[in-house]
Amino acid sequence: MTQTLDLAAVLRDLPAWRKADGDRPAIARSLAFADFNAAFGFMTRVALHADKVDHHPEWSNVYNRVEVLLTTHDAGGVTARDLDMARFIDAAAAAADAR
């Protein structure tokens, strides 16, 4: 089984992220883009990477906003896979000029 990470330590490493609402052991990030096209382009880039590494975010999109939640379900919390995905998301968001 994959080992879960200390959530406080993960969040210190990822300043744009927060603990997910509720009791879920997960991290979340809210992003805003210039428009729907930019948001969807970001999601496409992340989706291609997620398929490649076989680790998929929970997310939603409304117009220019994207809400992302990361957790490793079979481990019951945040793992190194989530940390890696969050770093990829941060880089993709910066490249897409997200706020």
PDB file of N, CA and C in Angstrom:
ATOM      1  N   MET A   1       0.848  -1.182   0.000  1.00  0.00           N
ATOM      2  CA  MET A   1       0.000   0.000   0.000  1.00  0.00           C
ATOM      3  C   MET A   1       0.897   1.250   0.000  1.00  0.00           C
ATOM      4  N   THR A   2       0.455   2.269  -0.690  1.00  0.00           N
ATOM      5  CA  THR A   2       1.160   3.534  -0.759  1.00  0.00           C
ATOM      6  C   THR A   2       1.025   4.278   0.562  1.00  0.00           C
ATOM      7  N   GLN A   3       2.120   4.876   1.012  1.00  0.00           N
ATOM      8  CA  GLN A   3       2.113   5.588   2.293  1.00  0.00           C
ATOM      9  C   GLN A   3       1.542   6.993   2.132  1.00  0.00           C
ATOM     10  N   THR A   4       0.668   7.385   3.063  1.00  0.00           N
ATOM     11  CA  THR A   4       0.126   8.738   3.051  1.00  0.00           C
ATOM     12  C   THR A   4       1.133   9.696   3.671  1.00  0.00           C
ATOM     13  N   LEU A   5       1.037  10.959   3.272  1.00  0.00           N
ATOM     14  CA  LEU A   5       1.940  12.001   3.744  1.00  0.00           C
ATOM     15  C   LEU A   5       1.247  12.871   4.785  1.00  0.00           C
ATOM     16  N   ASP A   6       2.038  13.533   5.598  1.00  0.00           N
ATOM     17  CA  ASP A   6       1.516  14.483   6.569  1.00  0.00           C
ATOM     18  C   ASP A   6       0.929  15.678   5.815  1.00  0.00           C
ATOM     19  N   LEU A   7      -0.342  15.927   6.006  1.00  0.00           N
ATOM     20  CA  LEU A   7      -1.046  16.973   5.265  1.00  0.00           C
ATOM     21  C   LEU A   7      -0.458  18.361   5.524  1.00  0.00           C
ATOM     22  N   ALA A   8      -0.090  18.655   6.747  1.00  0.00           N
ATOM     23  CA  ALA A   8       0.496  19.966   7.065  1.00  0.00           C
ATOM     24  C   ALA A   8       1.808  20.166   6.320  1.00  0.00           C
ATOM     25  N   ALA A   9       2.623  19.135   6.239  1.00  0.00           N
ATOM     26  CA  ALA A   9       3.899  19.229   5.520  1.00  0.00           C
ATOM     27  C   ALA A   9       3.660  19.425   4.020  1.00  0.00           C
ATOM     28  N   VAL A  10       2.692  18.715   3.481  1.00  0.00           N
ATOM     29  CA  VAL A  10       2.362  18.853   2.058  1.00  0.00           C
ATOM     30  C   VAL A  10       1.935  20.286   1.767  1.00  0.00           C
ATOM     31  N   LEU A  11       1.079  20.832   2.609  1.00  0.00           N
ATOM     32  CA  LEU A  11       0.568  22.188   2.373  1.00  0.00           C
ATOM     33  C   LEU A  11       1.656  23.248   2.555  1.00  0.00           C
ATOM     34  N   ARG A  12       2.626  23.006   3.398  1.00  0.00           N
ATOM     35  CA  ARG A  12       3.767  23.931   3.506  1.00  0.00           C
ATOM     36  C   ARG A  12       4.554  23.944   2.198  1.00  0.00           C
ATOM     37  N   ASP A  13       4.597  22.805   1.537  1.00  0.00           N
ATOM     38  CA  ASP A  13       5.321  22.654   0.271  1.00  0.00           C
ATOM     39  C   ASP A  13       4.538  23.209  -0.924  1.00  0.00           C
ATOM     40  N   LEU A  14       3.220  23.349  -0.763  1.00  0.00           N
ATOM     41  CA  LEU A  14       2.333  23.769  -1.857  1.00  0.00           C
ATOM     42  C   LEU A  14       1.491  24.968  -1.405  1.00  0.00           C
ATOM     43  N   PRO A  15       2.036  26.174  -1.432  1.00  0.00           N
ATOM     44  CA  PRO A  15       1.329  27.331  -0.868  1.00  0.00           C
ATOM     45  C   PRO A  15       0.019  27.694  -1.571  1.00  0.00           C
ATOM     46  N   ALA A  16      -0.172  27.297  -2.814  1.00  0.00           N
ATOM     47  CA  ALA A  16      -1.411  27.627  -3.526  1.00  0.00           C
ATOM     48  C   ALA A  16      -2.554  26.660  -3.188  1.00  0.00           C
ATOM     49  N   TRP A  17      -2.248  25.611  -2.452  1.00  0.00           N
ATOM     50  CA  TRP A  17      -3.232  24.582  -2.128  1.00  0.00           C
ATOM     51  C   TRP A  17      -3.723  24.746  -0.694  1.00  0.00           C
ATOM     52  N   ARG A  18      -4.861  24.108  -0.401  1.00  0.00           N
ATOM     53  CA  ARG A  18      -5.455  24.141   0.933  1.00  0.00           C
ATOM     54  C   ARG A  18      -5.988  22.745   1.265  1.00  0.00           C
ATOM     55  N   LYS A  19      -6.275  22.530   2.542  1.00  0.00           N
ATOM     56  CA  LYS A  19      -6.931  21.294   2.922  1.00  0.00           C
ATOM     57  C   LYS A  19      -8.337  21.310   2.343  1.00  0.00           C
ATOM     58  N   ALA A  20      -8.750  20.195   1.792  1.00  0.00           N
ATOM     59  CA  ALA A  20     -10.095  20.094   1.223  1.00  0.00           C
ATOM     60  C   ALA A  20     -11.133  20.275   2.329  1.00  0.00           C
ATOM     61  N   ASP A  21     -12.284  20.820   1.958  1.00  0.00           N
ATOM     62  CA  ASP A  21     -13.382  21.012   2.906  1.00  0.00           C
ATOM     63  C   ASP A  21     -13.842  19.669   3.467  1.00  0.00           C
ATOM     64  N   GLY A  22     -14.342  19.697   4.670  1.00  0.00           N
ATOM     65  CA  GLY A  22     -14.864  18.488   5.301  1.00  0.00           C
ATOM     66  C   GLY A  22     -13.763  17.645   5.911  1.00  0.00           C
ATOM     67  N   ASP A  23     -14.070  16.387   6.111  1.00  0.00           N
ATOM     68  CA  ASP A  23     -13.157  15.471   6.787  1.00  0.00           C
ATOM     69  C   ASP A  23     -12.270  14.685   5.824  1.00  0.00           C
ATOM     70  N   ARG A  24     -12.396  14.942   4.539  1.00  0.00           N
ATOM     71  CA  ARG A  24     -11.607  14.173   3.569  1.00  0.00           C
ATOM     72  C   ARG A  24     -10.125  14.476   3.693  1.00  0.00           C
ATOM     73  N   PRO A  25      -9.289  13.464   3.665  1.00  0.00           N
ATOM     74  CA  PRO A  25      -7.846  13.688   3.656  1.00  0.00           C
ATOM     75  C   PRO A  25      -7.408  13.992   2.218  1.00  0.00           C
ATOM     76  N   ALA A  26      -7.547  15.260   1.840  1.00  0.00           N
ATOM     77  CA  ALA A  26      -7.299  15.664   0.455  1.00  0.00           C
ATOM     78  C   ALA A  26      -6.849  17.115   0.417  1.00  0.00           C
ATOM     79  N   ILE A  27      -6.238  17.512  -0.700  1.00  0.00           N
ATOM     80  CA  ILE A  27      -5.844  18.897  -0.914  1.00  0.00           C
ATOM     81  C   ILE A  27      -6.649  19.459  -2.085  1.00  0.00           C
ATOM     82  N   ALA A  28      -6.861  20.766  -2.069  1.00  0.00           N
ATOM     83  CA  ALA A  28      -7.696  21.398  -3.089  1.00  0.00           C
ATOM     84  C   ALA A  28      -7.066  22.711  -3.540  1.00  0.00           C
ATOM     85  N   ARG A  29      -7.416  23.095  -4.759  1.00  0.00           N
ATOM     86  CA  ARG A  29      -6.967  24.379  -5.294  1.00  0.00           C
ATOM     87  C   ARG A  29      -8.060  24.934  -6.197  1.00  0.00           C
ATOM     88  N   SER A  30      -8.266  26.248  -6.121  1.00  0.00           N
ATOM     89  CA  SER A  30      -9.192  26.961  -6.999  1.00  0.00           C
ATOM     90  C   SER A  30      -8.364  27.775  -7.979  1.00  0.00           C
ATOM     91  N   LEU A  31      -8.739  27.715  -9.256  1.00  0.00           N
ATOM     92  CA  LEU A  31      -8.011  28.434 -10.292  1.00  0.00           C
ATOM     93  C   LEU A  31      -8.986  29.245 -11.130  1.00  0.00           C
ATOM     94  N   ALA A  32      -8.526  30.402 -11.595  1.00  0.00           N
ATOM     95  CA  ALA A  32      -9.318  31.227 -12.510  1.00  0.00           C
ATOM     96  C   ALA A  32      -8.438  31.546 -13.712  1.00  0.00           C
ATOM     97  N   PHE A  33      -9.034  31.485 -14.881  1.00  0.00           N
ATOM     98  CA  PHE A  33      -8.337  31.715 -16.143  1.00  0.00           C
ATOM     99  C   PHE A  33      -8.976  32.886 -16.877  1.00  0.00           C
ATOM    100  N   ALA A  34      -8.374  33.300 -17.953  1.00  0.00           N
ATOM    101  CA  ALA A  34      -8.881  34.436 -18.723  1.00  0.00           C
ATOM    102  C   ALA A  34     -10.287  34.172 -19.263  1.00  0.00           C
ATOM    103  N   ASP A  35     -10.548  32.943 -19.668  1.00  0.00           N
ATOM    104  CA  ASP A  35     -11.844  32.592 -20.252  1.00  0.00           C
ATOM    105  C   ASP A  35     -12.006  31.073 -20.257  1.00  0.00           C
ATOM    106  N   PHE A  36     -13.128  30.610 -20.798  1.00  0.00           N
ATOM    107  CA  PHE A  36     -13.419  29.182 -20.840  1.00  0.00           C
ATOM    108  C   PHE A  36     -12.369  28.424 -21.645  1.00  0.00           C
ATOM    109  N   ASN A  37     -11.945  28.979 -22.775  1.00  0.00           N
ATOM    110  CA  ASN A  37     -10.970  28.312 -23.631  1.00  0.00           C
ATOM    111  C   ASN A  37      -9.662  28.064 -22.872  1.00  0.00           C
ATOM    112  N   ALA A  38      -9.193  29.033 -22.124  1.00  0.00           N
ATOM    113  CA  ALA A  38      -7.962  28.880 -21.352  1.00  0.00           C
ATOM    114  C   ALA A  38      -8.143  27.825 -20.252  1.00  0.00           C
ATOM    115  N   ALA A  39      -9.294  27.840 -19.589  1.00  0.00           N
ATOM    116  CA  ALA A  39      -9.568  26.860 -18.540  1.00  0.00           C
ATOM    117  C   ALA A  39      -9.612  25.448 -19.123  1.00  0.00           C
ATOM    118  N   PHE A  40     -10.271  25.306 -20.250  1.00  0.00           N
ATOM    119  CA  PHE A  40     -10.405  23.984 -20.870  1.00  0.00           C
ATOM    120  C   PHE A  40      -9.057  23.495 -21.402  1.00  0.00           C
ATOM    121  N   GLY A  41      -8.256  24.401 -21.928  1.00  0.00           N
ATOM    122  CA  GLY A  41      -6.922  24.039 -22.385  1.00  0.00           C
ATOM    123  C   GLY A  41      -6.066  23.525 -21.231  1.00  0.00           C
ATOM    124  N   PHE A  42      -6.136  24.199 -20.098  1.00  0.00           N
ATOM    125  CA  PHE A  42      -5.436  23.756 -18.893  1.00  0.00           C
ATOM    126  C   PHE A  42      -5.909  22.360 -18.495  1.00  0.00           C
ATOM    127  N   MET A  43      -7.218  22.149 -18.469  1.00  0.00           N
ATOM    128  CA  MET A  43      -7.761  20.852 -18.082  1.00  0.00           C
ATOM    129  C   MET A  43      -7.309  19.759 -19.045  1.00  0.00           C
ATOM    130  N   THR A  44      -7.238  20.076 -20.315  1.00  0.00           N
ATOM    131  CA  THR A  44      -6.789  19.097 -21.304  1.00  0.00           C
ATOM    132  C   THR A  44      -5.336  18.709 -21.036  1.00  0.00           C
ATOM    133  N   ARG A  45      -4.499  19.698 -20.773  1.00  0.00           N
ATOM    134  CA  ARG A  45      -3.088  19.417 -20.489  1.00  0.00           C
ATOM    135  C   ARG A  45      -2.953  18.525 -19.260  1.00  0.00           C
ATOM    136  N   VAL A  46      -3.693  18.850 -18.208  1.00  0.00           N
ATOM    137  CA  VAL A  46      -3.636  18.047 -16.986  1.00  0.00           C
ATOM    138  C   VAL A  46      -4.204  16.649 -17.237  1.00  0.00           C
ATOM    139  N   ALA A  47      -5.288  16.549 -17.997  1.00  0.00           N
ATOM    140  CA  ALA A  47      -5.904  15.244 -18.275  1.00  0.00           C
ATOM    141  C   ALA A  47      -4.937  14.325 -19.026  1.00  0.00           C
ATOM    142  N   LEU A  48      -4.213  14.859 -19.980  1.00  0.00           N
ATOM    143  CA  LEU A  48      -3.244  14.043 -20.717  1.00  0.00           C
ATOM    144  C   LEU A  48      -2.146  13.531 -19.785  1.00  0.00           C
ATOM    145  N   HIS A  49      -1.675  14.395 -18.902  1.00  0.00           N
ATOM    146  CA  HIS A  49      -0.652  13.983 -17.936  1.00  0.00           C
ATOM    147  C   HIS A  49      -1.228  12.953 -16.960  1.00  0.00           C
ATOM    148  N   ALA A  50      -2.439  13.196 -16.486  1.00  0.00           N
ATOM    149  CA  ALA A  50      -3.075  12.283 -15.533  1.00  0.00           C
ATOM    150  C   ALA A  50      -3.208  10.881 -16.124  1.00  0.00           C
ATOM    151  N   ASP A  51      -3.598  10.788 -17.382  1.00  0.00           N
ATOM    152  CA  ASP A  51      -3.697   9.480 -18.022  1.00  0.00           C
ATOM    153  C   ASP A  51      -2.325   8.819 -18.126  1.00  0.00           C
ATOM    154  N   LYS A  52      -1.324   9.615 -18.445  1.00  0.00           N
ATOM    155  CA  LYS A  52       0.041   9.088 -18.588  1.00  0.00           C
ATOM    156  C   LYS A  52       0.547   8.481 -17.269  1.00  0.00           C
ATOM    157  N   VAL A  53       0.275   9.161 -16.144  1.00  0.00           N
ATOM    158  CA  VAL A  53       0.766   8.683 -14.842  1.00  0.00           C
ATOM    159  C   VAL A  53      -0.286   7.856 -14.094  1.00  0.00           C
ATOM    160  N   ASP A  54      -1.457   7.674 -14.695  1.00  0.00           N
ATOM    161  CA  ASP A  54      -2.554   6.897 -14.110  1.00  0.00           C
ATOM    162  C   ASP A  54      -2.925   7.380 -12.707  1.00  0.00           C
ATOM    163  N   HIS A  55      -3.094   8.703 -12.604  1.00  0.00           N
ATOM    164  CA  HIS A  55      -3.519   9.307 -11.342  1.00  0.00           C
ATOM    165  C   HIS A  55      -4.359  10.533 -11.698  1.00  0.00           C
ATOM    166  N   HIS A  56      -5.641  10.481 -11.385  1.00  0.00           N
ATOM    167  CA  HIS A  56      -6.596  11.455 -11.913  1.00  0.00           C
ATOM    168  C   HIS A  56      -7.186  12.345 -10.819  1.00  0.00           C
ATOM    169  N   PRO A  57      -7.263  13.639 -11.093  1.00  0.00           N
ATOM    170  CA  PRO A  57      -7.860  14.556 -10.113  1.00  0.00           C
ATOM    171  C   PRO A  57      -9.382  14.457 -10.108  1.00  0.00           C
ATOM    172  N   GLU A  58      -9.964  14.893  -9.015  1.00  0.00           N
ATOM    173  CA  GLU A  58     -11.398  15.180  -8.985  1.00  0.00           C
ATOM    174  C   GLU A  58     -11.474  16.668  -9.280  1.00  0.00           C
ATOM    175  N   TRP A  59     -12.326  17.058 -10.231  1.00  0.00           N
ATOM    176  CA  TRP A  59     -12.371  18.479 -10.563  1.00  0.00           C
ATOM    177  C   TRP A  59     -13.694  18.862 -11.178  1.00  0.00           C
ATOM    178  N   SER A  60     -13.900  20.173 -11.219  1.00  0.00           N
ATOM    179  CA  SER A  60     -15.088  20.715 -11.882  1.00  0.00           C
ATOM    180  C   SER A  60     -14.691  22.013 -12.569  1.00  0.00           C
ATOM    181  N   ASN A  61     -15.481  22.371 -13.569  1.00  0.00           N
ATOM    182  CA  ASN A  61     -15.216  23.571 -14.362  1.00  0.00           C
ATOM    183  C   ASN A  61     -16.521  24.313 -14.591  1.00  0.00           C
ATOM    184  N   VAL A  62     -16.503  25.609 -14.287  1.00  0.00           N
ATOM    185  CA  VAL A  62     -17.600  26.505 -14.645  1.00  0.00           C
ATOM    186  C   VAL A  62     -16.967  27.720 -15.297  1.00  0.00           C
ATOM    187  N   TYR A  63     -17.242  27.901 -16.574  1.00  0.00           N
ATOM    188  CA  TYR A  63     -16.694  28.953 -17.412  1.00  0.00           C
ATOM    189  C   TYR A  63     -15.181  29.056 -17.263  1.00  0.00           C
ATOM    190  N   ASN A  64     -14.660  30.061 -16.574  1.00  0.00           N
ATOM    191  CA  ASN A  64     -13.201  30.256 -16.483  1.00  0.00           C
ATOM    192  C   ASN A  64     -12.621  29.721 -15.175  1.00  0.00           C
ATOM    193  N   ARG A  65     -13.437  29.063 -14.361  1.00  0.00           N
ATOM    194  CA  ARG A  65     -12.978  28.583 -13.057  1.00  0.00           C
ATOM    195  C   ARG A  65     -12.825  27.058 -13.061  1.00  0.00           C
ATOM    196  N   VAL A  66     -11.766  26.597 -12.411  1.00  0.00           N
ATOM    197  CA  VAL A  66     -11.535  25.159 -12.251  1.00  0.00           C
ATOM    198  C   VAL A  66     -11.249  24.896 -10.777  1.00  0.00           C
ATOM    199  N   GLU A  67     -11.968  23.951 -10.209  1.00  0.00           N
ATOM    200  CA  GLU A  67     -11.751  23.495  -8.840  1.00  0.00           C
ATOM    201  C   GLU A  67     -11.117  22.113  -8.915  1.00  0.00           C
ATOM    202  N   VAL A  68     -10.006  21.918  -8.202  1.00  0.00           N
ATOM    203  CA  VAL A  68      -9.268  20.651  -8.256  1.00  0.00           C
ATOM    204  C   VAL A  68      -9.143  20.081  -6.852  1.00  0.00           C
ATOM    205  N   LEU A  69      -9.329  18.779  -6.725  1.00  0.00           N
ATOM    206  CA  LEU A  69      -9.139  18.066  -5.470  1.00  0.00           C
ATOM    207  C   LEU A  69      -8.257  16.859  -5.755  1.00  0.00           C
ATOM    208  N   LEU A  70      -7.247  16.647  -4.915  1.00  0.00           N
ATOM    209  CA  LEU A  70      -6.342  15.514  -5.058  1.00  0.00           C
ATOM    210  C   LEU A  70      -6.316  14.678  -3.793  1.00  0.00           C
ATOM    211  N   THR A  71      -6.436  13.375  -3.961  1.00  0.00           N
ATOM    212  CA  THR A  71      -6.282  12.391  -2.899  1.00  0.00           C
ATOM    213  C   THR A  71      -6.015  11.058  -3.572  1.00  0.00           C
ATOM    214  N   THR A  72      -5.403  10.152  -2.861  1.00  0.00           N
ATOM    215  CA  THR A  72      -5.186   8.802  -3.388  1.00  0.00           C
ATOM    216  C   THR A  72      -6.180   7.893  -2.684  1.00  0.00           C
ATOM    217  N   HIS A  73      -7.241   7.528  -3.387  1.00  0.00           N
ATOM    218  CA  HIS A  73      -8.357   6.802  -2.782  1.00  0.00           C
ATOM    219  C   HIS A  73      -7.926   5.487  -2.139  1.00  0.00           C
ATOM    220  N   ASP A  74      -7.114   4.697  -2.837  1.00  0.00           N
ATOM    221  CA  ASP A  74      -6.768   3.384  -2.290  1.00  0.00           C
ATOM    222  C   ASP A  74      -5.807   3.468  -1.107  1.00  0.00           C
ATOM    223  N   ALA A  75      -5.180   4.630  -0.898  1.00  0.00           N
ATOM    224  CA  ALA A  75      -4.308   4.825   0.265  1.00  0.00           C
ATOM    225  C   ALA A  75      -5.034   5.540   1.402  1.00  0.00           C
ATOM    226  N   GLY A  76      -6.172   6.141   1.093  1.00  0.00           N
ATOM    227  CA  GLY A  76      -6.948   6.836   2.121  1.00  0.00           C
ATOM    228  C   GLY A  76      -6.370   8.169   2.540  1.00  0.00           C
ATOM    229  N   GLY A  77      -5.689   8.839   1.615  1.00  0.00           N
ATOM    230  CA  GLY A  77      -5.132  10.151   1.944  1.00  0.00           C
ATOM    231  C   GLY A  77      -4.233  10.684   0.845  1.00  0.00           C
ATOM    232  N   VAL A  78      -3.458  11.683   1.180  1.00  0.00           N
ATOM    233  CA  VAL A  78      -2.565  12.341   0.230  1.00  0.00           C
ATOM    234  C   VAL A  78      -1.232  11.588   0.217  1.00  0.00           C
ATOM    235  N   THR A  79      -0.765  11.260  -0.982  1.00  0.00           N
ATOM    236  CA  THR A  79       0.485  10.521  -1.155  1.00  0.00           C
ATOM    237  C   THR A  79       1.434  11.309  -2.060  1.00  0.00           C
ATOM    238  N   ALA A  80       2.588  10.730  -2.288  1.00  0.00           N
ATOM    239  CA  ALA A  80       3.564  11.343  -3.190  1.00  0.00           C
ATOM    240  C   ALA A  80       2.977  11.523  -4.590  1.00  0.00           C
ATOM    241  N   ARG A  81       2.067  10.667  -4.983  1.00  0.00           N
ATOM    242  CA  ARG A  81       1.420  10.802  -6.304  1.00  0.00           C
ATOM    243  C   ARG A  81       0.622  12.103  -6.375  1.00  0.00           C
ATOM    244  N   ASP A  82      -0.035  12.461  -5.285  1.00  0.00           N
ATOM    245  CA  ASP A  82      -0.794  13.717  -5.243  1.00  0.00           C
ATOM    246  C   ASP A  82       0.149  14.912  -5.244  1.00  0.00           C
ATOM    247  N   LEU A  83       1.225  14.799  -4.507  1.00  0.00           N
ATOM    248  CA  LEU A  83       2.216  15.872  -4.469  1.00  0.00           C
ATOM    249  C   LEU A  83       2.791  16.113  -5.864  1.00  0.00           C
ATOM    250  N   ASP A  84       3.140  15.040  -6.565  1.00  0.00           N
ATOM    251  CA  ASP A  84       3.649  15.165  -7.939  1.00  0.00           C
ATOM    252  C   ASP A  84       2.605  15.790  -8.861  1.00  0.00           C
ATOM    253  N   MET A  85       1.344  15.352  -8.724  1.00  0.00           N
ATOM    254  CA  MET A  85       0.277  15.895  -9.571  1.00  0.00           C
ATOM    255  C   MET A  85       0.044  17.372  -9.250  1.00  0.00           C
ATOM    256  N   ALA A  86       0.072  17.734  -7.989  1.00  0.00           N
ATOM    257  CA  ALA A  86      -0.122  19.133  -7.602  1.00  0.00           C
ATOM    258  C   ALA A  86       0.980  20.005  -8.196  1.00  0.00           C
ATOM    259  N   ARG A  87       2.196  19.516  -8.180  1.00  0.00           N
ATOM    260  CA  ARG A  87       3.302  20.284  -8.773  1.00  0.00           C
ATOM    261  C   ARG A  87       3.123  20.434 -10.278  1.00  0.00           C
ATOM    262  N   PHE A  88       2.659  19.380 -10.940  1.00  0.00           N
ATOM    263  CA  PHE A  88       2.384  19.478 -12.379  1.00  0.00           C
ATOM    264  C   PHE A  88       1.265  20.489 -12.626  1.00  0.00           C
ATOM    265  N   ILE A  89       0.210  20.431 -11.822  1.00  0.00           N
ATOM    266  CA  ILE A  89      -0.910  21.364 -11.957  1.00  0.00           C
ATOM    267  C   ILE A  89      -0.438  22.798 -11.736  1.00  0.00           C
ATOM    268  N   ASP A  90       0.400  23.010 -10.744  1.00  0.00           N
ATOM    269  CA  ASP A  90       0.926  24.356 -10.495  1.00  0.00           C
ATOM    270  C   ASP A  90       1.693  24.878 -11.708  1.00  0.00           C
ATOM    271  N   ALA A  91       2.528  24.037 -12.314  1.00  0.00           N
ATOM    272  CA  ALA A  91       3.301  24.448 -13.494  1.00  0.00           C
ATOM    273  C   ALA A  91       2.378  24.720 -14.678  1.00  0.00           C
ATOM    274  N   ALA A  92       1.386  23.866 -14.883  1.00  0.00           N
ATOM    275  CA  ALA A  92       0.444  24.055 -15.984  1.00  0.00           C
ATOM    276  C   ALA A  92      -0.388  25.322 -15.778  1.00  0.00           C
ATOM    277  N   ALA A  93      -0.773  25.576 -14.532  1.00  0.00           N
ATOM    278  CA  ALA A  93      -1.550  26.783 -14.210  1.00  0.00           C
ATOM    279  C   ALA A  93      -0.711  28.038 -14.468  1.00  0.00           C
ATOM    280  N   ALA A  94       0.547  28.010 -14.075  1.00  0.00           N
ATOM    281  CA  ALA A  94       1.428  29.161 -14.306  1.00  0.00           C
ATOM    282  C   ALA A  94       1.620  29.399 -15.800  1.00  0.00           C
ATOM    283  N   ALA A  95       1.778  28.328 -16.562  1.00  0.00           N
ATOM    284  CA  ALA A  95       1.951  28.449 -18.018  1.00  0.00           C
ATOM    285  C   ALA A  95       0.703  29.008 -18.682  1.00  0.00           C
ATOM    286  N   ALA A  96      -0.470  28.731 -18.083  1.00  0.00           N
ATOM    287  CA  ALA A  96      -1.742  29.213 -18.633  1.00  0.00           C
ATOM    288  C   ALA A  96      -2.161  30.549 -18.032  1.00  0.00           C
ATOM    289  N   ASP A  97      -1.296  31.140 -17.229  1.00  0.00           N
ATOM    290  CA  ASP A  97      -1.557  32.442 -16.620  1.00  0.00           C
ATOM    291  C   ASP A  97      -2.779  32.434 -15.696  1.00  0.00           C
ATOM    292  N   ALA A  98      -2.943  31.348 -14.938  1.00  0.00           N
ATOM    293  CA  ALA A  98      -4.068  31.256 -14.013  1.00  0.00           C
ATOM    294  C   ALA A  98      -3.855  32.157 -12.816  1.00  0.00           C
ATOM    295  N   ARG A  99      -4.975  32.536 -12.208  1.00  0.00           N
ATOM    296  CA  ARG A  99      -4.928  33.318 -10.963  1.00  0.00           C
ATOM    297  C   ARG A  99      -5.468  32.463  -9.842  1.00  0.00           C
TER     298      ARG A  99
END
